[in-house]
Amino acid sequence: MQVRSAVIPAAGLGTRFLPATKVVPKELFPIGDQPALHVVIDEALGAGIDHVVIVSSRSKPAVAEYFEPDEALLEALEAKGKTDTAERLRAIGRDWRVSIVYQDNPKGLGHAVGCARSTVGDEPFAVMLPDEIMGSSGLLAQMNGVCAATGGSVIAVAEVPRHQVSSYGVIDPAGPMSDDGVIPVRDLVEKPPIDEAPSNFVITGRYVLTADAWDEIDALTPGRGGELQLTDALCAQAARSPFHAVLSDSGRYDTGNPLGFLTASIELGLMNPELGDGLRSFLRNLDI
């Protein structure tokens, strides 16, 4: 039951990044020389996924344009001897497939994911929120393995201080965590009061869902904020079938706000073999 498709919801307006997002989708903001969206795609590819479904908005044509070949640009690069750069561009979508679907009337994350059903088909799939960047593909690969082994859906979680739980969806564990960070899940609670939270394991932006999740998503009714909440569909799954969480032990970067994006760019830049030394030297020499 290898997961082959990943759904990336990318239809948001990016209001926290205005005025920049008036013309440039935040998913295309660069981390080094690569769009943040492509960093997430590389994570998916590293976990064995070969079909990426991006849920976009028609007001953001640049997202689809990023994946379209540009022969004139390739010829210009080749003429200047920049064959390595040309090859990087040719590799986009060459050994993997990208599909663009549209969320014309945003109604929440559950609705966004549901827009991808006909493109993915009735098979297990990953959901990857592009506002979160992981340090490697290891977490998603482990989640794929847990899904295959248990036949149930899997979510990623992080452990946070108790006073922070009211800002997140929280899992209700059905048993202890295994040595490799896998937790059986009884239920999920959206933004509980601190004194009512069943744990301090909060849901992060990676999911691996079995095909029956599509029916739960289709059956959603407006929940918190009047939106179709993906968490409600997951609660329905957890109530009737195996459901697990995997504790993330790799780097995780929140790029959903300007400060988070900036700090992620710096940390990931320091790990970049081409940029790291120069950036590290620059930071050491700052007069602050």
C-alpha atoms as a PDB file:
ATOM      1  CA  MET A   1       0.000   0.000   0.000  1.00  0.00           C
ATOM      2  CA  GLN A   2       2.751   2.413  -1.004  1.00  0.00           C
ATOM      3  CA  VAL A   3       1.484   5.975  -1.002  1.00  0.00           C
ATOM      4  CA  ARG A   4       2.107   7.440  -4.446  1.00  0.00           C
ATOM      5  CA  SER A   5       0.227  10.763  -4.377  1.00  0.00           C
ATOM      6  CA  ALA A   6       0.619  13.856  -2.223  1.00  0.00           C
ATOM      7  CA  VAL A   7      -1.939  16.649  -2.010  1.00  0.00           C
ATOM      8  CA  ILE A   8      -0.504  20.103  -1.295  1.00  0.00           C
ATOM      9  CA  PRO A   9      -3.151  22.747  -0.475  1.00  0.00           C
ATOM     10  CA  ALA A  10      -1.851  26.032  -1.881  1.00  0.00           C
ATOM     11  CA  ALA A  11      -4.933  28.143  -2.618  1.00  0.00           C
ATOM     12  CA  GLY A  12      -4.612  30.572   0.283  1.00  0.00           C
ATOM     13  CA  LEU A  13      -4.215  34.300  -0.280  1.00  0.00           C
ATOM     14  CA  GLY A  14      -1.155  34.656   1.932  1.00  0.00           C
ATOM     15  CA  THR A  15      -2.552  37.735   3.662  1.00  0.00           C
ATOM     16  CA  ARG A  16       0.182  37.718   6.320  1.00  0.00           C
ATOM     17  CA  PHE A  17       2.710  38.370   3.541  1.00  0.00           C
ATOM     18  CA  LEU A  18       0.965  41.270   1.857  1.00  0.00           C
ATOM     19  CA  PRO A  19       1.842  43.327  -0.123  1.00  0.00           C
ATOM     20  CA  ALA A  20       4.319  40.779  -1.572  1.00  0.00           C
ATOM     21  CA  THR A  21       1.627  38.146  -2.139  1.00  0.00           C
ATOM     22  CA  LYS A  22      -0.411  40.595  -4.199  1.00  0.00           C
ATOM     23  CA  VAL A  23       1.762  39.483  -7.123  1.00  0.00           C
ATOM     24  CA  VAL A  24       3.856  36.514  -5.939  1.00  0.00           C
ATOM     25  CA  PRO A  25       2.266  33.439  -4.292  1.00  0.00           C
ATOM     26  CA  LYS A  26       3.957  32.790  -0.953  1.00  0.00           C
ATOM     27  CA  GLU A  27       4.521  29.165  -2.003  1.00  0.00           C
ATOM     28  CA  LEU A  28       6.982  30.493  -4.597  1.00  0.00           C
ATOM     29  CA  PHE A  29       8.981  32.612  -2.160  1.00  0.00           C
ATOM     30  CA  PRO A  30      12.566  31.370  -2.403  1.00  0.00           C
ATOM     31  CA  ILE A  31      14.514  29.490   0.212  1.00  0.00           C
ATOM     32  CA  GLY A  32      17.959  29.868  -1.231  1.00  0.00           C
ATOM     33  CA  ASP A  33      17.391  29.436  -4.960  1.00  0.00           C
ATOM     34  CA  GLN A  34      14.401  27.103  -4.680  1.00  0.00           C
ATOM     35  CA  PRO A  35      10.737  27.958  -4.100  1.00  0.00           C
ATOM     36  CA  ALA A  36       9.390  26.837  -0.738  1.00  0.00           C
ATOM     37  CA  LEU A  37       6.803  24.748  -2.607  1.00  0.00           C
ATOM     38  CA  HIS A  38       9.535  22.799  -4.349  1.00  0.00           C
ATOM     39  CA  VAL A  39      11.270  22.110  -1.048  1.00  0.00           C
ATOM     40  CA  VAL A  40       8.060  20.396   0.101  1.00  0.00           C
ATOM     41  CA  ILE A  41       7.851  18.494  -3.183  1.00  0.00           C
ATOM     42  CA  ASP A  42      11.415  17.239  -2.745  1.00  0.00           C
ATOM     43  CA  GLU A  43      10.401  15.919   0.678  1.00  0.00           C
ATOM     44  CA  ALA A  44       7.538  14.015  -0.964  1.00  0.00           C
ATOM     45  CA  LEU A  45       9.767  12.573  -3.695  1.00  0.00           C
ATOM     46  CA  GLY A  46      12.275  11.428  -1.088  1.00  0.00           C
ATOM     47  CA  ALA A  47       9.494   9.432   0.603  1.00  0.00           C
ATOM     48  CA  GLY A  48       8.643   7.531  -2.590  1.00  0.00           C
ATOM     49  CA  ILE A  49       5.809   9.726  -3.854  1.00  0.00           C
ATOM     50  CA  ASP A  50       5.710  10.284  -7.611  1.00  0.00           C
ATOM     51  CA  HIS A  51       2.451  12.218  -8.145  1.00  0.00           C
ATOM     52  CA  VAL A  52       2.064  15.699  -6.652  1.00  0.00           C
ATOM     53  CA  VAL A  53      -1.394  17.301  -6.699  1.00  0.00           C
ATOM     54  CA  ILE A  54      -1.380  21.010  -5.945  1.00  0.00           C
ATOM     55  CA  VAL A  55      -4.667  22.611  -4.933  1.00  0.00           C
ATOM     56  CA  SER A  56      -4.310  26.163  -6.174  1.00  0.00           C
ATOM     57  CA  SER A  57      -6.408  29.238  -6.919  1.00  0.00           C
ATOM     58  CA  ARG A  58      -7.057  30.752 -10.319  1.00  0.00           C
ATOM     59  CA  SER A  59      -5.869  34.059  -8.848  1.00  0.00           C
ATOM     60  CA  LYS A  60      -2.379  32.519  -8.558  1.00  0.00           C
ATOM     61  CA  PRO A  61      -1.451  31.510 -12.130  1.00  0.00           C
ATOM     62  CA  ALA A  62       2.260  31.626 -11.303  1.00  0.00           C
ATOM     63  CA  VAL A  63       1.932  28.351  -9.355  1.00  0.00           C
ATOM     64  CA  ALA A  64       0.903  26.426 -12.473  1.00  0.00           C
ATOM     65  CA  GLU A  65       3.364  28.373 -14.629  1.00  0.00           C
ATOM     66  CA  TYR A  66       6.264  27.233 -12.457  1.00  0.00           C
ATOM     67  CA  PHE A  67       5.778  23.667 -13.690  1.00  0.00           C
ATOM     68  CA  GLU A  68       5.389  24.520 -17.388  1.00  0.00           C
ATOM     69  CA  PRO A  69       8.454  24.056 -19.623  1.00  0.00           C
ATOM     70  CA  ASP A  70      10.058  27.211 -21.012  1.00  0.00           C
ATOM     71  CA  GLU A  71      12.041  26.232 -24.093  1.00  0.00           C
ATOM     72  CA  ALA A  72      13.218  29.787 -24.795  1.00  0.00           C
ATOM     73  CA  LEU A  73      14.713  30.040 -21.315  1.00  0.00           C
ATOM     74  CA  LEU A  74      16.376  26.651 -21.652  1.00  0.00           C
ATOM     75  CA  GLU A  75      17.915  27.619 -24.982  1.00  0.00           C
ATOM     76  CA  ALA A  76      19.190  30.890 -23.518  1.00  0.00           C
ATOM     77  CA  LEU A  77      20.796  29.086 -20.597  1.00  0.00           C
ATOM     78  CA  GLU A  78      22.415  26.525 -22.879  1.00  0.00           C
ATOM     79  CA  ALA A  79      23.777  29.295 -25.096  1.00  0.00           C
ATOM     80  CA  LYS A  80      25.433  30.870 -22.040  1.00  0.00           C
ATOM     81  CA  GLY A  81      26.940  27.565 -20.978  1.00  0.00           C
ATOM     82  CA  LYS A  82      24.682  27.246 -17.936  1.00  0.00           C
ATOM     83  CA  THR A  83      23.908  23.622 -18.644  1.00  0.00           C
ATOM     84  CA  ASP A  84      23.586  22.633 -14.956  1.00  0.00           C
ATOM     85  CA  THR A  85      20.872  25.231 -14.410  1.00  0.00           C
ATOM     86  CA  ALA A  86      19.106  24.169 -17.590  1.00  0.00           C
ATOM     87  CA  GLU A  87      19.176  20.550 -16.432  1.00  0.00           C
ATOM     88  CA  ARG A  88      17.654  21.496 -13.061  1.00  0.00           C
ATOM     89  CA  LEU A  89      14.771  23.154 -14.875  1.00  0.00           C
ATOM     90  CA  ARG A  90      14.260  20.190 -17.197  1.00  0.00           C
ATOM     91  CA  ALA A  91      14.100  17.875 -14.189  1.00  0.00           C
ATOM     92  CA  ILE A  92      10.976  19.596 -12.832  1.00  0.00           C
ATOM     93  CA  GLY A  93       8.224  17.041 -13.383  1.00  0.00           C
ATOM     94  CA  ARG A  94      10.387  14.747 -15.514  1.00  0.00           C
ATOM     95  CA  ASP A  95      10.529  11.677 -13.277  1.00  0.00           C
ATOM     96  CA  TRP A  96       7.391  12.559 -11.342  1.00  0.00           C
ATOM     97  CA  ARG A  97       3.997  13.935 -12.240  1.00  0.00           C
ATOM     98  CA  VAL A  98       2.341  17.160 -11.151  1.00  0.00           C
ATOM     99  CA  SER A  99      -1.365  17.953 -11.406  1.00  0.00           C
ATOM    100  CA  ILE A 100      -2.970  21.313 -10.657  1.00  0.00           C
ATOM    101  CA  VAL A 101      -6.550  21.439  -9.381  1.00  0.00           C
ATOM    102  CA  TYR A 102      -8.450  24.507  -8.259  1.00  0.00           C
ATOM    103  CA  GLN A 103     -10.356  25.446  -5.147  1.00  0.00           C
ATOM    104  CA  ASP A 104     -12.648  28.085  -6.579  1.00  0.00           C
ATOM    105  CA  ASN A 105     -14.681  28.656  -3.428  1.00  0.00           C
ATOM    106  CA  PRO A 106     -12.467  28.198  -0.346  1.00  0.00           C
ATOM    107  CA  LYS A 107     -14.326  26.533   2.507  1.00  0.00           C
ATOM    108  CA  GLY A 108     -11.531  25.261   4.715  1.00  0.00           C
ATOM    109  CA  LEU A 109      -8.779  22.651   4.640  1.00  0.00           C
ATOM    110  CA  GLY A 110     -11.204  19.743   4.343  1.00  0.00           C
ATOM    111  CA  HIS A 111     -12.716  21.331   1.259  1.00  0.00           C
ATOM    112  CA  ALA A 112      -9.291  22.028  -0.240  1.00  0.00           C
ATOM    113  CA  VAL A 113      -8.168  18.413   0.150  1.00  0.00           C
ATOM    114  CA  GLY A 114     -11.494  17.172  -1.216  1.00  0.00           C
ATOM    115  CA  CYS A 115     -10.893  19.091  -4.443  1.00  0.00           C
ATOM    116  CA  ALA A 116      -8.136  16.585  -5.259  1.00  0.00           C
ATOM    117  CA  ARG A 117     -10.229  13.412  -5.026  1.00  0.00           C
ATOM    118  CA  SER A 118     -10.913  12.855  -8.712  1.00  0.00           C
ATOM    119  CA  THR A 119      -7.249  13.477  -9.546  1.00  0.00           C
ATOM    120  CA  VAL A 120      -5.778  11.217  -6.873  1.00  0.00           C
ATOM    121  CA  GLY A 121      -8.356   8.438  -7.166  1.00  0.00           C
ATOM    122  CA  ASP A 122      -9.477   6.061  -4.443  1.00  0.00           C
ATOM    123  CA  GLU A 123      -6.078   5.172  -3.027  1.00  0.00           C
ATOM    124  CA  PRO A 124      -4.028   6.161   0.037  1.00  0.00           C
ATOM    125  CA  PHE A 125      -2.553   9.638  -0.208  1.00  0.00           C
ATOM    126  CA  ALA A 126      -0.469  12.136   1.714  1.00  0.00           C
ATOM    127  CA  VAL A 127      -1.483  15.673   2.613  1.00  0.00           C
ATOM    128  CA  MET A 128       1.385  18.127   3.023  1.00  0.00           C
ATOM    129  CA  LEU A 129       0.750  21.662   4.234  1.00  0.00           C
ATOM    130  CA  PRO A 130       3.268  23.910   2.486  1.00  0.00           C
ATOM    131  CA  ASP A 131       3.519  26.325   5.419  1.00  0.00           C
ATOM    132  CA  GLU A 132       5.531  23.666   7.227  1.00  0.00           C
ATOM    133  CA  ILE A 133       8.898  22.500   5.956  1.00  0.00           C
ATOM    134  CA  MET A 134      10.526  19.394   7.372  1.00  0.00           C
ATOM    135  CA  GLY A 135      14.223  18.793   7.675  1.00  0.00           C
ATOM    136  CA  SER A 136      14.101  15.536   5.709  1.00  0.00           C
ATOM    137  CA  SER A 137      11.832  12.967   4.056  1.00  0.00           C
ATOM    138  CA  GLY A 138      12.276  10.568   6.966  1.00  0.00           C
ATOM    139  CA  LEU A 139       9.090  11.467   8.829  1.00  0.00           C
ATOM    140  CA  LEU A 140       6.835  11.089   5.785  1.00  0.00           C
ATOM    141  CA  ALA A 141       8.536   7.827   4.823  1.00  0.00           C
ATOM    142  CA  GLN A 142       7.916   6.465   8.329  1.00  0.00           C
ATOM    143  CA  MET A 143       4.271   7.551   8.167  1.00  0.00           C
ATOM    144  CA  ASN A 144       3.892   5.726   4.845  1.00  0.00           C
ATOM    145  CA  GLY A 145       5.273   2.602   6.497  1.00  0.00           C
ATOM    146  CA  VAL A 146       2.906   2.852   9.475  1.00  0.00           C
ATOM    147  CA  CYS A 147      -0.053   3.283   7.115  1.00  0.00           C
ATOM    148  CA  ALA A 148       0.966   0.183   5.161  1.00  0.00           C
ATOM    149  CA  ALA A 149       1.531  -1.865   8.312  1.00  0.00           C
ATOM    150  CA  THR A 150      -1.697  -0.924  10.108  1.00  0.00           C
ATOM    151  CA  GLY A 151      -4.086  -0.279   7.229  1.00  0.00           C
ATOM    152  CA  GLY A 152      -5.124   2.988   8.853  1.00  0.00           C
ATOM    153  CA  SER A 153      -4.503   6.700   8.553  1.00  0.00           C
ATOM    154  CA  VAL A 154      -1.507   8.379  10.150  1.00  0.00           C
ATOM    155  CA  ILE A 155      -0.809  11.957  11.225  1.00  0.00           C
ATOM    156  CA  ALA A 156       2.368  13.702  12.322  1.00  0.00           C
ATOM    157  CA  VAL A 157       2.492  15.267  15.757  1.00  0.00           C
ATOM    158  CA  ALA A 158       4.880  17.418  17.741  1.00  0.00           C
ATOM    159  CA  GLU A 159       5.196  17.641  21.528  1.00  0.00           C
ATOM    160  CA  VAL A 160       4.634  21.152  22.868  1.00  0.00           C
ATOM    161  CA  PRO A 161       4.505  22.688  26.357  1.00  0.00           C
ATOM    162  CA  ARG A 162       1.116  22.243  27.973  1.00  0.00           C
ATOM    163  CA  HIS A 163       0.312  25.950  27.898  1.00  0.00           C
ATOM    164  CA  GLN A 164       0.442  25.951  24.080  1.00  0.00           C
ATOM    165  CA  VAL A 165      -2.071  23.184  23.360  1.00  0.00           C
ATOM    166  CA  SER A 166      -5.053  25.519  22.938  1.00  0.00           C
ATOM    167  CA  SER A 167      -3.569  26.802  19.688  1.00  0.00           C
ATOM    168  CA  TYR A 168      -3.600  23.398  17.976  1.00  0.00           C
ATOM    169  CA  GLY A 169      -5.473  20.227  17.244  1.00  0.00           C
ATOM    170  CA  VAL A 170      -4.510  17.667  19.895  1.00  0.00           C
ATOM    171  CA  ILE A 171      -4.602  13.866  19.848  1.00  0.00           C
ATOM    172  CA  ASP A 172      -6.236  11.689  22.491  1.00  0.00           C
ATOM    173  CA  PRO A 173      -3.852   8.714  22.731  1.00  0.00           C
ATOM    174  CA  ALA A 174      -5.334   5.243  22.953  1.00  0.00           C
ATOM    175  CA  GLY A 175      -2.114   3.801  24.387  1.00  0.00           C
ATOM    176  CA  PRO A 176       1.561   4.485  25.044  1.00  0.00           C
ATOM    177  CA  MET A 177       4.054   5.673  22.448  1.00  0.00           C
ATOM    178  CA  SER A 178       6.294   2.998  20.943  1.00  0.00           C
ATOM    179  CA  ASP A 179      10.071   3.222  20.933  1.00  0.00           C
ATOM    180  CA  ASP A 180       9.979   4.586  17.384  1.00  0.00           C
ATOM    181  CA  GLY A 181       7.507   7.351  18.188  1.00  0.00           C
ATOM    182  CA  VAL A 182       4.237   5.765  17.023  1.00  0.00           C
ATOM    183  CA  ILE A 183       1.135   6.534  19.115  1.00  0.00           C
ATOM    184  CA  PRO A 184      -2.279   4.863  18.735  1.00  0.00           C
ATOM    185  CA  VAL A 185      -5.014   7.497  18.547  1.00  0.00           C
ATOM    186  CA  ARG A 186      -8.520   7.329  19.992  1.00  0.00           C
ATOM    187  CA  ASP A 187      -9.710  10.811  19.021  1.00  0.00           C
ATOM    188  CA  LEU A 188      -8.626  14.297  17.976  1.00  0.00           C
ATOM    189  CA  VAL A 189      -9.685  17.521  19.675  1.00  0.00           C
ATOM    190  CA  GLU A 190      -9.456  20.905  17.984  1.00  0.00           C
ATOM    191  CA  LYS A 191      -7.931  23.659  20.168  1.00  0.00           C
ATOM    192  CA  PRO A 192      -9.035  22.359  23.579  1.00  0.00           C
ATOM    193  CA  PRO A 193      -8.795  24.415  26.775  1.00  0.00           C
ATOM    194  CA  ILE A 194      -5.527  23.681  28.574  1.00  0.00           C
ATOM    195  CA  ASP A 195      -7.208  21.834  31.419  1.00  0.00           C
ATOM    196  CA  GLU A 196      -9.238  19.661  29.023  1.00  0.00           C
ATOM    197  CA  ALA A 197      -6.505  18.724  26.542  1.00  0.00           C
ATOM    198  CA  PRO A 198      -6.064  14.919  26.420  1.00  0.00           C
ATOM    199  CA  SER A 199      -2.311  15.248  25.694  1.00  0.00           C
ATOM    200  CA  ASN A 200       0.318  17.743  24.632  1.00  0.00           C
ATOM    201  CA  PHE A 201       0.877  16.040  21.261  1.00  0.00           C
ATOM    202  CA  VAL A 202      -0.345  18.486  18.614  1.00  0.00           C
ATOM    203  CA  ILE A 203      -1.160  17.862  14.957  1.00  0.00           C
ATOM    204  CA  THR A 204       1.363  19.182  12.441  1.00  0.00           C
ATOM    205  CA  GLY A 205       1.145  19.571   8.694  1.00  0.00           C
ATOM    206  CA  ARG A 206       1.743  16.017   7.471  1.00  0.00           C
ATOM    207  CA  TYR A 207      -0.938  13.352   7.002  1.00  0.00           C
ATOM    208  CA  VAL A 208      -1.059   9.954   5.310  1.00  0.00           C
ATOM    209  CA  LEU A 209      -4.688   8.980   4.778  1.00  0.00           C
ATOM    210  CA  THR A 210      -6.344   5.784   3.625  1.00  0.00           C
ATOM    211  CA  ALA A 211      -8.739   5.940   0.678  1.00  0.00           C
ATOM    212  CA  ASP A 212     -11.862   5.840   2.861  1.00  0.00           C
ATOM    213  CA  ALA A 213     -10.940   9.337   4.085  1.00  0.00           C
ATOM    214  CA  TRP A 214     -12.403  10.671   0.833  1.00  0.00           C
ATOM    215  CA  ASP A 215     -15.921   9.633   1.851  1.00  0.00           C
ATOM    216  CA  GLU A 216     -15.497  11.257   5.258  1.00  0.00           C
ATOM    217  CA  ILE A 217     -14.290  14.454   3.582  1.00  0.00           C
ATOM    218  CA  ASP A 218     -17.234  14.435   1.166  1.00  0.00           C
ATOM    219  CA  ALA A 219     -19.611  14.070   4.116  1.00  0.00           C
ATOM    220  CA  LEU A 220     -18.209  17.045   6.057  1.00  0.00           C
ATOM    221  CA  THR A 221     -20.537  19.766   7.281  1.00  0.00           C
ATOM    222  CA  PRO A 222     -19.365  23.218   8.418  1.00  0.00           C
ATOM    223  CA  GLY A 223     -17.534  23.051  11.731  1.00  0.00           C
ATOM    224  CA  ARG A 224     -15.350  25.502  13.615  1.00  0.00           C
ATOM    225  CA  GLY A 225     -15.363  28.897  11.872  1.00  0.00           C
ATOM    226  CA  GLY A 226     -18.053  27.721   9.451  1.00  0.00           C
ATOM    227  CA  GLU A 227     -15.444  25.790   7.449  1.00  0.00           C
ATOM    228  CA  LEU A 228     -15.115  22.163   6.400  1.00  0.00           C
ATOM    229  CA  GLN A 229     -12.493  20.946   8.837  1.00  0.00           C
ATOM    230  CA  LEU A 230     -10.166  18.101   7.847  1.00  0.00           C
ATOM    231  CA  THR A 231      -9.853  17.245  11.552  1.00  0.00           C
ATOM    232  CA  ASP A 232     -13.561  16.336  11.653  1.00  0.00           C
ATOM    233  CA  ALA A 233     -13.031  13.772   8.892  1.00  0.00           C
ATOM    234  CA  LEU A 234     -10.054  12.337  10.762  1.00  0.00           C
ATOM    235  CA  CYS A 235     -12.097  12.056  13.964  1.00  0.00           C
ATOM    236  CA  ALA A 236     -14.630   9.960  12.063  1.00  0.00           C
ATOM    237  CA  GLN A 237     -11.858   7.669  10.829  1.00  0.00           C
ATOM    238  CA  ALA A 238     -10.284   7.338  14.277  1.00  0.00           C
ATOM    239  CA  ALA A 239     -13.664   6.303  15.740  1.00  0.00           C
ATOM    240  CA  ARG A 240     -14.002   3.246  13.492  1.00  0.00           C
ATOM    241  CA  SER A 241     -10.601   2.124  12.210  1.00  0.00           C
ATOM    242  CA  PRO A 242      -6.903   1.964  13.118  1.00  0.00           C
ATOM    243  CA  PHE A 243      -5.432   5.441  13.479  1.00  0.00           C
ATOM    244  CA  HIS A 244      -1.933   6.434  14.561  1.00  0.00           C
ATOM    245  CA  ALA A 245       0.285   9.434  15.086  1.00  0.00           C
ATOM    246  CA  VAL A 246       4.030   9.626  14.537  1.00  0.00           C
ATOM    247  CA  LEU A 247       6.092  11.971  16.687  1.00  0.00           C
ATOM    248  CA  SER A 248       8.313  14.158  14.533  1.00  0.00           C
ATOM    249  CA  ASP A 249      11.937  14.082  15.604  1.00  0.00           C
ATOM    250  CA  SER A 250      13.355  15.927  12.596  1.00  0.00           C
ATOM    251  CA  GLY A 251      13.614  19.638  11.959  1.00  0.00           C
ATOM    252  CA  ARG A 252      10.327  21.440  11.420  1.00  0.00           C
ATOM    253  CA  TYR A 253      10.032  25.008  10.177  1.00  0.00           C
ATOM    254  CA  ASP A 254       6.881  27.134  10.246  1.00  0.00           C
ATOM    255  CA  THR A 255       6.918  29.384   7.181  1.00  0.00           C
ATOM    256  CA  GLY A 256       3.350  30.613   7.564  1.00  0.00           C
ATOM    257  CA  ASN A 257       4.385  34.060   8.795  1.00  0.00           C
ATOM    258  CA  PRO A 258       7.179  36.455   7.783  1.00  0.00           C
ATOM    259  CA  LEU A 259       9.392  35.861  10.831  1.00  0.00           C
ATOM    260  CA  GLY A 260       9.026  32.096  10.565  1.00  0.00           C
ATOM    261  CA  PHE A 261       9.853  32.198   6.867  1.00  0.00           C
ATOM    262  CA  LEU A 262      12.921  34.336   7.509  1.00  0.00           C
ATOM    263  CA  THR A 263      14.279  32.109  10.266  1.00  0.00           C
ATOM    264  CA  ALA A 264      13.574  28.971   8.197  1.00  0.00           C
ATOM    265  CA  SER A 265      15.442  30.485   5.263  1.00  0.00           C
ATOM    266  CA  ILE A 266      18.450  31.153   7.494  1.00  0.00           C
ATOM    267  CA  GLU A 267      18.486  27.723   9.132  1.00  0.00           C
ATOM    268  CA  LEU A 268      18.007  25.859   5.855  1.00  0.00           C
ATOM    269  CA  GLY A 269      20.508  28.153   4.176  1.00  0.00           C
ATOM    270  CA  LEU A 270      23.118  27.184   6.757  1.00  0.00           C
ATOM    271  CA  MET A 271      22.551  23.529   5.821  1.00  0.00           C
ATOM    272  CA  ASN A 272      22.858  24.225   2.089  1.00  0.00           C
ATOM    273  CA  PRO A 273      26.240  22.928   0.855  1.00  0.00           C
ATOM    274  CA  GLU A 274      26.559  25.781  -1.649  1.00  0.00           C
ATOM    275  CA  LEU A 275      25.336  28.620   0.566  1.00  0.00           C
ATOM    276  CA  GLY A 276      26.106  27.498   4.114  1.00  0.00           C
ATOM    277  CA  ASP A 277      29.718  28.606   4.469  1.00  0.00           C
ATOM    278  CA  GLY A 278      29.127  32.065   3.034  1.00  0.00           C
ATOM    279  CA  LEU A 279      25.981  32.635   5.095  1.00  0.00           C
ATOM    280  CA  ARG A 280      27.679  31.423   8.280  1.00  0.00           C
ATOM    281  CA  SER A 281      30.573  33.795   7.694  1.00  0.00           C
ATOM    282  CA  PHE A 282      28.191  36.685   7.076  1.00  0.00           C
ATOM    283  CA  LEU A 283      26.247  36.036  10.275  1.00  0.00           C
ATOM    284  CA  ARG A 284      29.428  35.815  12.359  1.00  0.00           C
ATOM    285  CA  ASN A 285      30.571  39.193  11.075  1.00  0.00           C
ATOM    286  CA  LEU A 286      27.300  41.022  11.728  1.00  0.00           C
ATOM    287  CA  ASP A 287      27.763  43.985  14.027  1.00  0.00           C
ATOM    288  CA  ILE A 288      24.684  43.430  16.202  1.00  0.00           C
END
